[in-house]
C-alpha atoms as a PDB file:
ATOM      1  CA  MET A   1       7.179  -3.375  26.415  1.00  0.00           C
ATOM      2  CA  LEU A   2       8.792  -3.400  22.087  1.00  0.00           C
ATOM      3  CA  GLN A   3      12.649  -4.474  21.957  1.00  0.00           C
ATOM      4  CA  ILE A   4      14.029  -3.478  18.753  1.00  0.00           C
ATOM      5  CA  ASP A   5      17.541  -4.849  17.535  1.00  0.00           C
ATOM      6  CA  ILE A   6      18.868  -4.223  14.106  1.00  0.00           C
ATOM      7  CA  ARG A   7      22.105  -5.745  12.803  1.00  0.00           C
ATOM      8  CA  GLU A   8      23.712  -6.237   9.451  1.00  0.00           C
ATOM      9  CA  GLU A   9      24.756  -9.503   8.763  1.00  0.00           C
ATOM     10  CA  ASN A  10      26.481 -11.182   5.279  1.00  0.00           C
ATOM     11  CA  GLY A  11      24.512  -7.670   2.825  1.00  0.00           C
ATOM     12  CA  HIS A  12      21.172  -8.044   4.206  1.00  0.00           C
ATOM     13  CA  VAL A  13      19.638  -6.577   7.553  1.00  0.00           C
ATOM     14  CA  ILE A  14      17.621  -8.010  10.829  1.00  0.00           C
ATOM     15  CA  LEU A  15      15.468  -6.467  12.428  1.00  0.00           C
ATOM     16  CA  VAL A  16      14.745  -8.536  15.298  1.00  0.00           C
ATOM     17  CA  LEU A  17      11.352  -7.480  17.309  1.00  0.00           C
ATOM     18  CA  THR A  18      10.722  -8.974  20.943  1.00  0.00           C
ATOM     19  CA  GLY A  19       7.305  -8.237  22.707  1.00  0.00           C
ATOM     20  CA  GLU A  20       4.530  -6.432  21.702  1.00  0.00           C
ATOM     21  CA  VAL A  21       4.018  -4.002  19.117  1.00  0.00           C
ATOM     22  CA  ASP A  22       0.890  -1.377  20.239  1.00  0.00           C
ATOM     23  CA  ALA A  23      -0.231   1.736  19.445  1.00  0.00           C
ATOM     24  CA  SER A  24       2.362   3.109  22.519  1.00  0.00           C
ATOM     25  CA  ASN A  25       5.073   2.105  20.694  1.00  0.00           C
ATOM     26  CA  SER A  26       4.343   1.575  16.916  1.00  0.00           C
ATOM     27  CA  VAL A  27       6.520   4.874  16.031  1.00  0.00           C
ATOM     28  CA  ASP A  28       9.689   3.103  17.304  1.00  0.00           C
ATOM     29  CA  LEU A  29       8.600  -0.032  14.764  1.00  0.00           C
ATOM     30  CA  ASP A  30       7.965   3.444  12.399  1.00  0.00           C
ATOM     31  CA  ASN A  31      11.094   4.947  13.054  1.00  0.00           C
ATOM     32  CA  ALA A  32      13.517   2.016  12.945  1.00  0.00           C
ATOM     33  CA  ILE A  33      12.094   0.891   9.617  1.00  0.00           C
ATOM     34  CA  GLN A  34      12.487   4.697   8.218  1.00  0.00           C
ATOM     35  CA  GLY A  35      15.996   4.114   9.232  1.00  0.00           C
ATOM     36  CA  LEU A  36      16.582   1.040   7.253  1.00  0.00           C
ATOM     37  CA  ILE A  37      15.277   2.806   3.689  1.00  0.00           C
ATOM     38  CA  GLN A  38      17.889   2.175   0.962  1.00  0.00           C
ATOM     39  CA  PRO A  39      17.073   1.476  -2.231  1.00  0.00           C
ATOM     40  CA  LYS A  40      17.759  -2.251  -2.904  1.00  0.00           C
ATOM     41  CA  LYS A  41      18.401  -3.452   0.805  1.00  0.00           C
ATOM     42  CA  LYS A  42      17.036  -6.722   1.309  1.00  0.00           C
ATOM     43  CA  ILE A  43      15.561  -7.003   5.254  1.00  0.00           C
ATOM     44  CA  ILE A  44      14.757  -9.909   7.664  1.00  0.00           C
ATOM     45  CA  MET A  45      12.042  -9.175  10.225  1.00  0.00           C
ATOM     46  CA  ASP A  46      12.815 -11.689  12.787  1.00  0.00           C
ATOM     47  CA  GLY A  47       8.874 -11.865  14.862  1.00  0.00           C
ATOM     48  CA  SER A  48       9.950 -15.170  16.449  1.00  0.00           C
ATOM     49  CA  ALA A  49      10.336 -13.131  19.935  1.00  0.00           C
ATOM     50  CA  LEU A  50       6.862 -10.999  18.678  1.00  0.00           C
ATOM     51  CA  GLU A  51       3.647 -12.192  21.591  1.00  0.00           C
ATOM     52  CA  TYR A  52       1.762  -9.425  19.957  1.00  0.00           C
ATOM     53  CA  ILE A  53       0.974  -6.900  17.231  1.00  0.00           C
ATOM     54  CA  SER A  54      -2.471  -4.420  17.504  1.00  0.00           C
ATOM     55  CA  SER A  55      -3.736  -3.382  13.898  1.00  0.00           C
ATOM     56  CA  ALA A  56      -1.578  -0.066  14.724  1.00  0.00           C
ATOM     57  CA  GLY A  57       1.763  -2.059  14.442  1.00  0.00           C
ATOM     58  CA  LEU A  58       0.502  -3.642  11.174  1.00  0.00           C
ATOM     59  CA  GLY A  59      -0.367   0.067   9.786  1.00  0.00           C
ATOM     60  CA  VAL A  60       3.399   0.420  10.455  1.00  0.00           C
ATOM     61  CA  PHE A  61       4.143  -2.360   8.015  1.00  0.00           C
ATOM     62  CA  MET A  62       1.341  -1.576   5.604  1.00  0.00           C
ATOM     63  CA  SER A  63       2.409   1.909   5.316  1.00  0.00           C
ATOM     64  CA  TYR A  64       5.523   0.782   4.232  1.00  0.00           C
ATOM     65  CA  LEU A  65       4.817  -1.371   1.374  1.00  0.00           C
ATOM     66  CA  GLU A  66       4.701   0.852  -1.234  1.00  0.00           C
ATOM     67  CA  GLU A  67       8.120   2.683  -0.319  1.00  0.00           C
ATOM     68  CA  PHE A  68       9.477  -0.900  -0.469  1.00  0.00           C
ATOM     69  CA  GLU A  69       8.266  -1.275  -4.331  1.00  0.00           C
ATOM     70  CA  THR A  70       9.627   1.632  -4.961  1.00  0.00           C
ATOM     71  CA  ASN A  71      12.836   1.762  -3.332  1.00  0.00           C
ATOM     72  CA  GLU A  72      13.548  -2.183  -4.596  1.00  0.00           C
ATOM     73  CA  ILE A  73      14.021  -3.463  -0.793  1.00  0.00           C
ATOM     74  CA  GLN A  74      13.179  -7.292  -0.334  1.00  0.00           C
ATOM     75  CA  PHE A  75      11.242  -7.679   2.808  1.00  0.00           C
ATOM     76  CA  VAL A  76      10.235 -10.665   4.564  1.00  0.00           C
ATOM     77  CA  ILE A  77       9.228 -11.624   7.640  1.00  0.00           C
ATOM     78  CA  ILE A  78      10.303 -14.664   9.529  1.00  0.00           C
ATOM     79  CA  GLY A  79       9.183 -16.725  12.905  1.00  0.00           C
ATOM     80  CA  LEU A  80       5.744 -15.519  13.409  1.00  0.00           C
ATOM     81  CA  ASN A  81       3.829 -17.429  16.027  1.00  0.00           C
ATOM     82  CA  SER A  82       0.355 -18.589  15.189  1.00  0.00           C
ATOM     83  CA  LYS A  83      -1.438 -15.862  17.099  1.00  0.00           C
ATOM     84  CA  VAL A  84       0.711 -13.028  15.066  1.00  0.00           C
ATOM     85  CA  PHE A  85       0.760 -14.602  11.616  1.00  0.00           C
ATOM     86  CA  ASN A  86      -2.914 -15.090  12.195  1.00  0.00           C
ATOM     87  CA  VAL A  87      -3.397 -11.150  12.448  1.00  0.00           C
ATOM     88  CA  PHE A  88      -1.327 -11.278   9.683  1.00  0.00           C
ATOM     89  CA  HIS A  89      -3.675 -13.259   7.767  1.00  0.00           C
ATOM     90  CA  ILE A  90      -6.903 -11.657   8.325  1.00  0.00           C
ATOM     91  CA  LEU A  91      -6.030  -8.789   7.079  1.00  0.00           C
ATOM     92  CA  GLY A  92      -4.696 -10.125   4.232  1.00  0.00           C
ATOM     93  CA  LEU A  93      -1.147  -8.696   5.144  1.00  0.00           C
ATOM     94  CA  ASP A  94       0.256 -12.425   4.708  1.00  0.00           C
ATOM     95  CA  GLN A  95      -0.552 -11.561   0.614  1.00  0.00           C
ATOM     96  CA  LEU A  96       1.284  -8.495   0.413  1.00  0.00           C
ATOM     97  CA  ILE A  97       4.303  -9.251   2.220  1.00  0.00           C
ATOM     98  CA  THR A  98       6.484 -12.443   2.536  1.00  0.00           C
ATOM     99  CA  ILE A  99       6.557 -14.269   5.190  1.00  0.00           C
ATOM    100  CA  LYS A 100       8.743 -17.096   5.794  1.00  0.00           C
ATOM    101  CA  THR A 101       9.273 -20.039   8.356  1.00  0.00           C
ATOM    102  CA  ASN A 102      12.535 -18.840   9.500  1.00  0.00           C
ATOM    103  CA  LYS A 103      15.958 -17.313   7.988  1.00  0.00           C
ATOM    104  CA  GLU A 104      16.574 -20.204   5.588  1.00  0.00           C
ATOM    105  CA  GLU A 105      13.960 -19.604   3.859  1.00  0.00           C
ATOM    106  CA  ALA A 106      14.108 -16.076   3.974  1.00  0.00           C
ATOM    107  CA  LEU A 107      17.532 -16.224   2.683  1.00  0.00           C
ATOM    108  CA  GLN A 108      16.362 -18.045  -0.228  1.00  0.00           C
ATOM    109  CA  GLU A 109      14.029 -15.445  -1.032  1.00  0.00           C
ATOM    110  CA  LEU A 110      16.127 -13.077  -0.862  1.00  0.00           C
ATOM    111  CA  TYR A 111      18.736 -14.209  -2.815  1.00  0.00           C
ATOM    112  CA  GLU A 112      17.740 -16.399  -5.517  1.00  0.00           C
ATOM    113  CA  ALA A 113      14.808 -13.553  -6.213  1.00  0.00           C
END
């Protein structure tokens, strides 16, 4: 099961994922991200409560990389546990998406870039 919470905070959006992202609910993640697409937006995805992500879930992120770049959207992922981070790392997504340990590091990346 996946729970998605979105909140606005001081000029950026925090997308909080709780549970598991798999083929059955990756469309929900896709819809949530699609709803956030606006030029020059700053998005932090908090994955600290994310227990699992499948290739379908990773595919959602991959499908937005070009759109983020085109719209100058800054997207940072924080708080991944080692198991979930490893999935991003194995596929090389940690080279394409900024992944930070915590919110403070993410804010530094967003506002000093």
